[in-house]
Protein backbone atom coordinates (compact mmCIF):
# COMPACT_ATOMS: atom_id res chain seq x y z
CA MET A 1 3.94 35.58 -2.18
CA ARG A 2 2.40 34.32 1.12
CA LYS A 3 -0.67 36.97 0.68
CA VAL A 4 -0.80 35.50 -2.90
CA TYR A 5 -0.76 31.62 -2.26
CA LEU A 6 -3.50 32.61 0.85
CA ILE A 7 -5.80 33.87 -1.86
CA PHE A 8 -5.26 30.87 -4.35
CA PHE A 9 -5.96 28.55 -1.18
CA CYS A 10 -8.96 30.14 -0.09
CA SER A 11 -10.37 30.01 -3.63
CA LEU A 12 -9.77 26.89 -3.76
CA ILE A 13 -11.36 25.73 -0.59
CA SER A 14 -14.20 27.51 -2.21
CA PHE A 15 -14.17 25.52 -5.01
CA TRP A 16 -13.82 22.21 -3.01
CA VAL A 17 -16.84 23.01 -0.79
CA GLN A 18 -19.55 23.87 -3.51
CA ALA A 19 -18.30 21.00 -5.97
CA GLN A 20 -20.12 17.59 -6.03
CA ASP A 21 -18.96 16.10 -9.01
CA TYR A 22 -14.98 15.65 -8.50
CA THR A 23 -12.03 14.73 -10.44
CA PHE A 24 -8.76 13.59 -8.49
CA LYS A 25 -6.91 17.20 -9.92
CA THR A 26 -9.86 18.92 -7.86
CA LEU A 27 -7.65 17.02 -4.59
CA LEU A 28 -4.26 18.90 -5.61
CA GLN A 29 -3.11 22.41 -5.29
CA GLU A 30 -0.82 21.63 -8.26
CA SER A 31 -0.38 18.85 -10.38
CA ILE A 32 2.79 17.02 -11.65
CA THR A 33 4.82 18.09 -14.05
CA ILE A 34 5.50 15.22 -17.22
CA THR A 35 8.50 16.35 -18.03
CA SER A 36 9.61 13.23 -21.11
CA ARG A 37 8.44 9.98 -22.13
CA PRO A 38 11.25 8.13 -22.97
CA ASN A 39 10.85 5.26 -25.94
CA VAL A 40 13.06 2.34 -26.89
CA THR A 41 16.15 3.31 -29.05
CA ASP A 42 17.57 -0.25 -29.15
CA ILE A 43 17.17 -3.93 -28.10
CA LYS A 44 20.05 -6.17 -27.33
CA GLU A 45 20.39 -10.07 -26.10
CA ILE A 46 23.24 -10.70 -24.07
CA ALA A 47 24.36 -14.76 -23.38
CA ASP A 48 24.67 -15.01 -19.93
CA LYS A 49 28.45 -16.14 -19.49
CA ARG A 50 28.15 -18.16 -16.26
CA ASN A 51 29.17 -21.67 -15.93
CA VAL A 52 25.80 -23.58 -16.31
CA SER A 53 24.64 -26.40 -17.75
CA PRO A 54 22.87 -26.35 -21.05
CA TYR A 55 19.61 -27.08 -19.34
CA GLU A 56 19.70 -24.11 -17.34
CA LYS A 57 20.95 -21.70 -20.02
CA HIS A 58 19.89 -17.80 -19.47
CA ASP A 59 19.95 -15.32 -21.83
CA THR A 60 18.91 -11.63 -21.10
CA THR A 61 17.29 -9.53 -23.38
CA TYR A 62 17.85 -5.51 -22.62
CA ALA A 63 15.30 -2.61 -23.70
CA PHE A 64 17.36 0.62 -23.76
CA TYR A 65 15.18 3.84 -23.42
CA THR A 66 16.39 7.58 -24.59
CA GLY A 67 15.02 10.61 -24.30
CA GLY A 68 14.64 11.10 -20.19
CA SER A 69 17.07 12.46 -18.14
CA ILE A 70 18.75 9.34 -16.67
CA ALA A 71 19.54 6.08 -18.91
CA PHE A 72 17.77 3.02 -17.90
CA SER A 73 16.90 -0.34 -19.48
CA VAL A 74 14.57 -3.00 -18.74
CA PHE A 75 15.57 -6.54 -19.16
CA THR A 76 14.09 -9.93 -19.13
CA ILE A 77 15.97 -13.01 -18.10
CA HIS A 78 15.07 -16.16 -20.60
CA GLY A 79 15.42 -19.74 -19.57
CA GLU A 80 14.32 -23.04 -20.71
CA GLU A 81 13.18 -23.70 -16.67
CA TYR A 82 10.92 -21.17 -16.77
CA SER A 83 6.67 -20.98 -18.07
CA SER A 84 5.08 -18.19 -19.12
CA LEU A 85 2.14 -19.29 -17.49
CA LEU A 86 3.89 -20.94 -14.25
CA ASN A 87 6.78 -19.20 -13.58
CA PRO A 88 7.10 -16.26 -15.74
CA GLU A 89 10.69 -14.47 -17.52
CA PRO A 90 11.82 -12.62 -14.72
CA VAL A 91 11.58 -8.60 -15.97
CA GLY A 92 13.54 -5.77 -13.76
CA VAL A 93 15.00 -2.33 -14.90
CA ILE A 94 18.66 -1.10 -14.39
CA ILE A 95 18.66 2.47 -13.61
CA ASN A 96 21.89 4.07 -13.96
CA GLY A 97 23.35 0.97 -13.23
CA LYS A 98 21.46 -0.10 -10.48
CA ARG A 99 19.08 -3.01 -10.52
CA PHE A 100 15.49 -3.36 -9.60
CA GLY A 101 12.40 -5.56 -9.51
CA PHE A 102 8.84 -4.63 -10.48
CA PHE A 103 6.22 -4.69 -7.64
CA CYS A 104 3.07 -4.06 -7.63
CA SER A 105 2.11 -3.03 -3.18
CA THR A 106 3.23 -0.79 -0.98
CA GLU A 107 5.00 -3.04 0.91
CA GLN A 108 7.02 -3.75 -1.94
CA SER A 109 5.94 -7.97 -1.40
CA LEU A 110 3.89 -8.76 -4.54
CA ILE A 111 6.65 -9.61 -7.50
CA ILE A 112 5.41 -8.91 -11.15
CA ASN A 113 7.02 -9.56 -14.29
CA PRO A 114 4.93 -7.52 -16.45
CA SER A 115 5.36 -8.21 -20.47
CA GLY A 116 4.58 -4.47 -21.30
CA PHE A 117 4.00 -1.00 -20.27
CA LEU A 118 0.80 0.98 -19.97
CA ASP A 119 2.86 4.24 -19.71
CA ILE A 120 6.44 5.55 -18.69
CA TYR A 121 6.87 8.72 -17.76
CA GLU A 122 9.43 10.95 -16.32
CA PHE A 123 7.59 13.96 -13.48
CA LYS A 124 9.03 16.33 -11.40
CA TYR A 125 7.14 17.56 -8.29
CA LEU A 126 8.47 19.84 -5.23
CA SER A 127 11.99 20.17 -6.78
CA ARG A 128 12.61 16.52 -6.91
CA LYS A 129 12.33 13.67 -10.14
CA TYR A 130 10.84 10.94 -10.35
CA LEU A 131 10.73 7.82 -13.10
CA CYS A 132 7.46 6.44 -13.38
CA PHE A 133 6.31 3.20 -14.76
CA LEU A 134 2.58 1.85 -15.12
CA SER A 135 1.48 -1.59 -15.82
CA LEU A 136 -1.71 -4.13 -15.91
CA ARG A 137 -1.65 -6.96 -12.84
CA GLU A 138 -1.36 -8.82 -15.20
CA ASP A 139 -1.47 -12.29 -13.24
CA CYS A 140 -5.59 -11.46 -12.23
CA LEU A 141 -6.91 -10.26 -15.63
CA THR A 142 -8.96 -13.60 -16.22
CA LYS A 143 -10.89 -12.73 -13.03
CA GLY A 144 -12.01 -9.33 -14.01
CA CYS A 145 -9.35 -7.60 -12.25
CA ARG A 146 -8.50 -4.17 -13.34
CA TYR A 147 -5.83 -2.98 -10.80
CA LYS A 148 -2.47 -1.56 -12.38
CA CYS A 149 0.53 -1.53 -10.55
CA TYR A 150 2.75 1.75 -10.45
CA ASN A 151 6.51 1.53 -9.95
CA PHE A 152 8.05 4.75 -9.32
CA TYR A 153 11.58 5.65 -8.48
CA ASP A 154 13.13 9.09 -7.02
CA ILE A 155 16.46 9.93 -9.33
CA THR A 156 16.59 13.18 -8.00
CA ASP A 157 19.96 12.24 -7.25
CA PRO A 158 21.21 9.64 -9.75
CA GLN A 159 23.64 7.87 -7.33
CA ASN A 160 20.85 7.05 -4.73
CA ILE A 161 17.92 6.04 -6.58
CA ILE A 162 15.00 5.32 -4.11
CA ALA A 163 12.25 2.56 -5.03
CA TYR A 164 8.47 2.90 -4.75
CA SER A 165 5.50 1.05 -5.57
CA PHE A 166 1.46 0.35 -5.15
CA SER A 167 -1.49 -0.69 -7.00
CA SER A 168 -4.81 0.78 -8.08
CA ILE A 169 -7.53 0.86 -10.33
CA TYR A 170 -6.86 4.46 -11.44
CA SER A 171 -3.92 4.78 -13.66
CA GLY A 172 -4.07 8.80 -13.82
CA SER A 173 -1.07 11.00 -13.46
CA GLU A 174 -3.13 12.68 -10.65
CA SER A 175 -2.47 9.99 -8.25
CA PHE A 176 0.58 11.91 -7.59
CA GLY A 177 0.75 14.89 -5.82
CA ASP A 178 0.86 16.89 -2.36
CA PHE A 179 -2.96 15.66 -1.05
CA ASN A 180 -2.22 17.13 2.55
CA PHE A 181 -0.13 20.51 1.86
CA ASP A 182 2.69 19.60 3.92
CA GLY A 183 5.06 20.13 0.68
CA LYS A 184 5.39 16.53 0.14
CA ILE A 185 4.61 14.30 -2.51
CA ASP A 186 2.16 11.72 -1.55
CA PHE A 187 -0.01 9.26 -3.99
CA ILE A 188 -3.32 8.20 -3.57
CA ARG A 189 -4.08 4.35 -4.05
CA VAL A 190 -8.33 3.90 -5.50
CA VAL A 191 -9.71 -0.11 -4.77
CA PRO A 192 -13.43 -1.22 -5.10
CA ARG A 193 -14.91 -1.52 -1.94
CA ALA A 194 -19.00 -2.61 -0.82
CA PRO A 195 -20.82 0.23 1.32
CA GLU A 196 -21.78 -2.04 3.97
CA SER A 197 -17.83 -2.88 4.52
CA PHE A 198 -17.54 0.32 6.64
CA LEU A 199 -20.08 2.60 6.39
CA GLU A 200 -22.93 1.35 8.17
CA ASP A 201 -25.37 3.92 7.12
CA GLU A 202 -25.11 4.23 3.58
CA GLU A 203 -28.40 3.75 1.45
CA ASP A 204 -26.32 3.35 -1.82
CA LYS A 205 -26.20 -0.87 -2.67
CA ASN A 206 -24.45 -0.66 -5.60
CA LEU A 207 -21.62 -2.96 -4.81
CA LYS A 208 -19.76 -3.00 -8.03
CA SER A 209 -19.69 0.81 -8.69
CA ASN A 210 -18.16 1.98 -5.67
CA ALA A 211 -14.23 2.56 -4.36
CA LEU A 212 -12.36 3.83 -1.97
CA VAL A 213 -9.83 6.15 -2.33
CA THR A 214 -6.68 6.60 0.35
CA ALA A 215 -3.53 8.49 0.86
CA PHE A 216 0.08 7.78 1.11
CA THR A 217 2.96 9.94 1.78
CA ILE A 218 6.82 9.26 1.60
CA VAL A 219 8.40 8.75 5.02
CA ASN A 220 12.07 7.74 5.89
CA ASN A 221 12.26 6.57 1.82
CA GLU A 222 9.01 4.10 2.75
CA ALA A 223 5.57 4.98 1.95
CA LYS A 224 3.34 5.09 4.90
CA ASP A 225 -0.71 5.45 5.30
CA LEU A 226 -1.81 9.15 5.55
CA GLU A 227 -3.47 8.26 8.72
CA LYS A 228 -5.36 10.49 12.29
CA GLU A 229 -3.56 9.86 15.50
CA LEU A 230 -5.57 6.95 16.35
CA GLY A 231 -4.29 5.24 13.13
CA ASN A 232 -7.61 5.86 11.14
CA PRO A 233 -6.65 6.19 7.17
CA TYR A 234 -8.02 9.66 5.75
CA TYR A 235 -10.45 8.13 2.86
CA ILE A 236 -13.01 8.96 0.18
CA TYR A 237 -15.49 6.80 -0.29
CA ILE A 238 -17.06 7.47 -4.10
CA THR A 239 -19.49 6.58 -6.78
CA PRO A 240 -17.09 6.75 -10.10
CA LYS A 241 -18.81 8.09 -13.27
CA ASN A 242 -16.90 5.56 -15.33
CA GLU A 243 -14.26 2.59 -15.70
CA GLU A 244 -11.96 5.12 -15.63
CA ILE A 245 -12.47 7.10 -12.82
CA THR A 246 -12.40 10.55 -14.90
CA SER A 247 -14.87 12.01 -12.19
CA PHE A 248 -16.99 11.13 -9.08
CA THR A 249 -19.20 11.69 -6.32
CA VAL A 250 -18.93 11.34 -2.79
CA LEU A 251 -20.37 9.18 -0.88
CA GLY A 252 -18.47 9.64 2.72
CA ASN A 253 -14.98 10.96 3.76
CA ASP A 254 -12.42 12.02 6.19
CA TRP A 255 -10.33 13.66 4.10
CA PHE A 256 -8.12 17.19 4.00
CA MET A 257 -11.03 19.66 3.07
CA PRO A 258 -14.61 19.59 2.86
CA MET A 259 -16.32 17.86 0.71
CA ARG A 260 -19.99 17.59 -0.54
CA ASN A 261 -22.64 14.88 -1.84
CA VAL A 262 -24.94 15.01 -4.70
CA LYS A 263 -27.62 17.20 -2.98
CA GLY A 264 -25.12 19.71 -1.99
CA GLU A 265 -24.84 19.06 1.36
CA VAL A 266 -21.47 19.08 3.27
CA ILE A 267 -20.71 15.57 4.22
CA PRO A 268 -19.87 14.94 7.98
CA ASN A 269 -16.73 13.22 8.40
CA LYS A 270 -16.67 9.91 9.99
CA LEU A 271 -13.93 7.32 10.49
CA PHE A 272 -12.82 4.82 8.19
CA TYR A 273 -12.20 1.48 10.32
CA PRO A 274 -9.39 -0.89 8.54
CA SER A 275 -11.27 -3.76 8.14
CA TYR A 276 -9.54 -7.65 9.58
CA THR A 277 -8.83 -10.31 6.98
CA PRO A 278 -10.52 -13.66 7.93
CA PHE A 279 -8.10 -16.11 9.18
CA ASP A 280 -6.35 -18.13 6.38
CA PRO A 281 -4.70 -21.79 7.42
CA LYS A 282 -2.51 -21.78 4.79
CA ASN A 283 -0.63 -18.34 6.36
CA GLN A 284 0.72 -17.27 9.76
CA PHE A 285 0.26 -13.74 10.10
CA LEU A 286 -1.01 -10.95 12.46
CA HIS A 287 -2.86 -7.82 12.51
CA ASN A 288 -1.21 -4.96 13.99
CA THR A 289 -3.24 -2.40 16.40
CA ASP A 290 -4.14 -0.74 13.31
CA GLY A 291 -5.45 -3.82 11.83
CA HIS A 292 -2.80 -3.65 9.20
CA ARG A 293 -1.31 -7.48 7.83
CA VAL A 294 1.98 -8.42 9.22
CA ASP A 295 3.61 -11.46 8.96
CA MET A 296 4.50 -13.85 12.04
CA LYS A 297 8.15 -14.21 11.46
CA ALA A 298 9.72 -14.56 14.83
CA TRP A 299 9.06 -15.55 18.51
CA VAL A 300 5.96 -14.33 19.88
CA ILE A 301 4.13 -14.47 23.42
CA HIS A 302 0.38 -15.64 23.24
CA LEU A 303 -0.96 -13.58 26.38
CA THR A 304 -4.74 -14.17 26.19
CA ASP A 305 -7.56 -14.66 23.93
CA TYR A 306 -10.97 -12.79 23.29
CA ASP A 307 -14.08 -14.24 21.49
CA GLU A 308 -14.98 -10.38 20.28
CA ILE A 309 -12.53 -7.84 18.51
CA ASP A 310 -13.26 -4.79 21.13
CA GLY A 311 -11.97 -6.80 24.03
CA ALA A 312 -8.64 -7.91 22.11
CA GLN A 313 -8.19 -4.00 21.06
CA ASP A 314 -8.85 -3.19 24.32
CA PHE A 315 -6.03 -5.31 25.68
CA CYS A 316 -3.49 -4.48 22.83
CA LEU A 317 -4.55 -0.44 24.27
CA MET A 318 -3.90 -1.08 27.90
CA LEU A 319 -0.62 -2.82 26.76
CA ARG A 320 0.23 0.27 25.04
CA GLU A 321 -0.71 2.61 27.77
CA LYS A 322 2.17 0.04 29.99
CA GLY A 323 4.91 0.86 27.21
CA TYR A 324 4.23 -2.32 25.18
CA LYS A 325 3.72 -1.12 21.88
CA GLU A 326 4.83 -4.33 19.94
CA ALA A 327 1.12 -6.06 20.24
CA PHE A 328 -0.69 -8.28 17.97
CA ILE A 329 -3.82 -9.66 17.45
CA LYS A 330 -3.93 -12.98 15.45
CA ILE A 331 -7.59 -14.27 13.97
CA ASP A 332 -8.84 -17.90 14.30
CA GLN A 333 -11.43 -19.55 12.89
CA TYR A 334 -12.32 -23.34 14.75
CA ASP A 335 -15.79 -24.18 13.11
CA ARG A 336 -17.97 -21.09 13.35
CA LYS A 337 -16.24 -19.96 16.36
CA ILE A 338 -13.86 -16.73 15.31
CA TRP A 339 -11.06 -16.18 17.94
CA PHE A 340 -9.35 -12.82 18.30
CA ARG A 341 -5.93 -14.00 20.33
CA VAL A 342 -3.55 -11.35 21.55
CA PHE A 343 0.37 -11.96 20.80
CA TYR A 344 3.35 -9.67 21.49
CA GLY A 345 6.72 -9.58 20.29
CA ASN A 346 7.68 -10.85 16.88
CA TYR A 347 11.15 -11.17 17.61
CA TRP A 348 13.88 -12.78 15.66
CA SER A 349 15.63 -13.00 19.11
CA LYS A 350 14.04 -15.42 21.78
CA ASP A 351 16.58 -14.37 24.60
CA LYS A 352 14.60 -10.70 24.37
CA LEU A 353 11.59 -12.45 23.96
CA MET A 354 12.14 -13.84 27.55
CA THR A 355 13.47 -10.85 28.93
CA VAL A 356 9.99 -8.68 27.85
CA LEU A 357 8.08 -11.74 29.53
CA GLN A 358 9.59 -11.78 32.54
CA GLU A 359 8.70 -7.72 32.99
CA MET A 360 4.62 -9.06 31.82
CA ARG A 361 5.20 -11.18 34.55
CA LYS A 362 5.48 -8.53 37.53
CA ASP A 363 2.06 -7.13 36.49
CA THR A 364 -0.79 -8.92 36.82
CA GLU A 365 -3.25 -7.31 34.82
CA ILE A 366 -0.63 -8.52 31.96
CA ILE A 367 -0.46 -11.90 33.03
CA PRO A 368 -2.48 -12.92 36.49
CA LYS A 369 -0.27 -14.94 38.86
CA GLY A 370 0.20 -18.91 38.55
CA GLU A 371 -1.57 -18.29 34.66
CA ILE A 372 1.33 -19.81 32.01
CA LYS A 373 1.34 -18.41 28.58
CA LYS A 374 2.81 -19.98 25.58
CA ILE A 375 6.03 -19.17 23.86
CA ILE A 376 5.53 -19.38 19.90
CA ASN A 377 7.75 -19.93 17.08
CA PRO A 378 6.22 -19.42 13.07
CA ASN A 379 6.40 -23.31 12.69
CA ALA A 380 4.29 -24.08 16.11
CA LYS A 381 0.76 -24.60 16.39
CA LEU A 382 -1.15 -23.07 19.08
């Protein structure tokens, strides 16, 4: 069996390195198996029996689905205080008696209330079963937004259902699979991306046609980026053949297999560096050392400032080497000047932060003698 698998894998590698036009299916060792597409068989409206005023009356409509392996219903809560434009009616799903909301982000931070679904299906992969809901991201349709929202649930154990979410401009079932061949389910996210954002030597300048593909896996019931040791994501930079991305050519990559460009040449791997988000005065947020955004929700130490991102990153690396791994960068812009501020902590407990600060003061490379640093909470200004 192992010999057969090896022959198949080598044959697949041979196909990959010769291909110039790719599909997402060619990135997979094996596609998922869609086992059913449940349909609505009953709709009921149930009055809210809570003791509320007539002006806050709620009724809930339940759409019951059958045809799959597990019972579920999609509900919509109606009420006079809801507005279809400003405050949409809450929508969610009840699977095997457990209630879930709908989201459009891997962090499950962007709540959505879909008015309908593009597709609903159950699938199995690597001995596990999943239920997937695909919908449009309706809050940005007027802006020409092509994002779809995936909400999928691990229903292998009906008593322990786990919810996941992500957004993508690609809507095929090939979004799911084992992309790094470790025997665990992954998924890909496809987003529009301009060439100069990370490929400095890229000749193609058609800003509307290209896209960035990154991969995620499931670790401890959470969606995590598939990254290299230094935190650089695996990626493919592509030019789709059409809006549905039924096929694409590769412009650049750092993927799990060798890939070729339109000339048939193997494309050298090039690291992708996540871009930092510009300062937004309406939000208090930080970036971790990988460049990912993190809400500033608790106590932090403001350690030092740099006028270049490289200096701030080097300082964070020095902290990590000394055992201080919870460093962040905050980007502040005043007039035309941008500052990269290094913060540490983001603890709920001020006492814990003060304990860490006392340890840091013993190292003059972190805090020079006599220099006073600030202690900040989310409501304080710099």
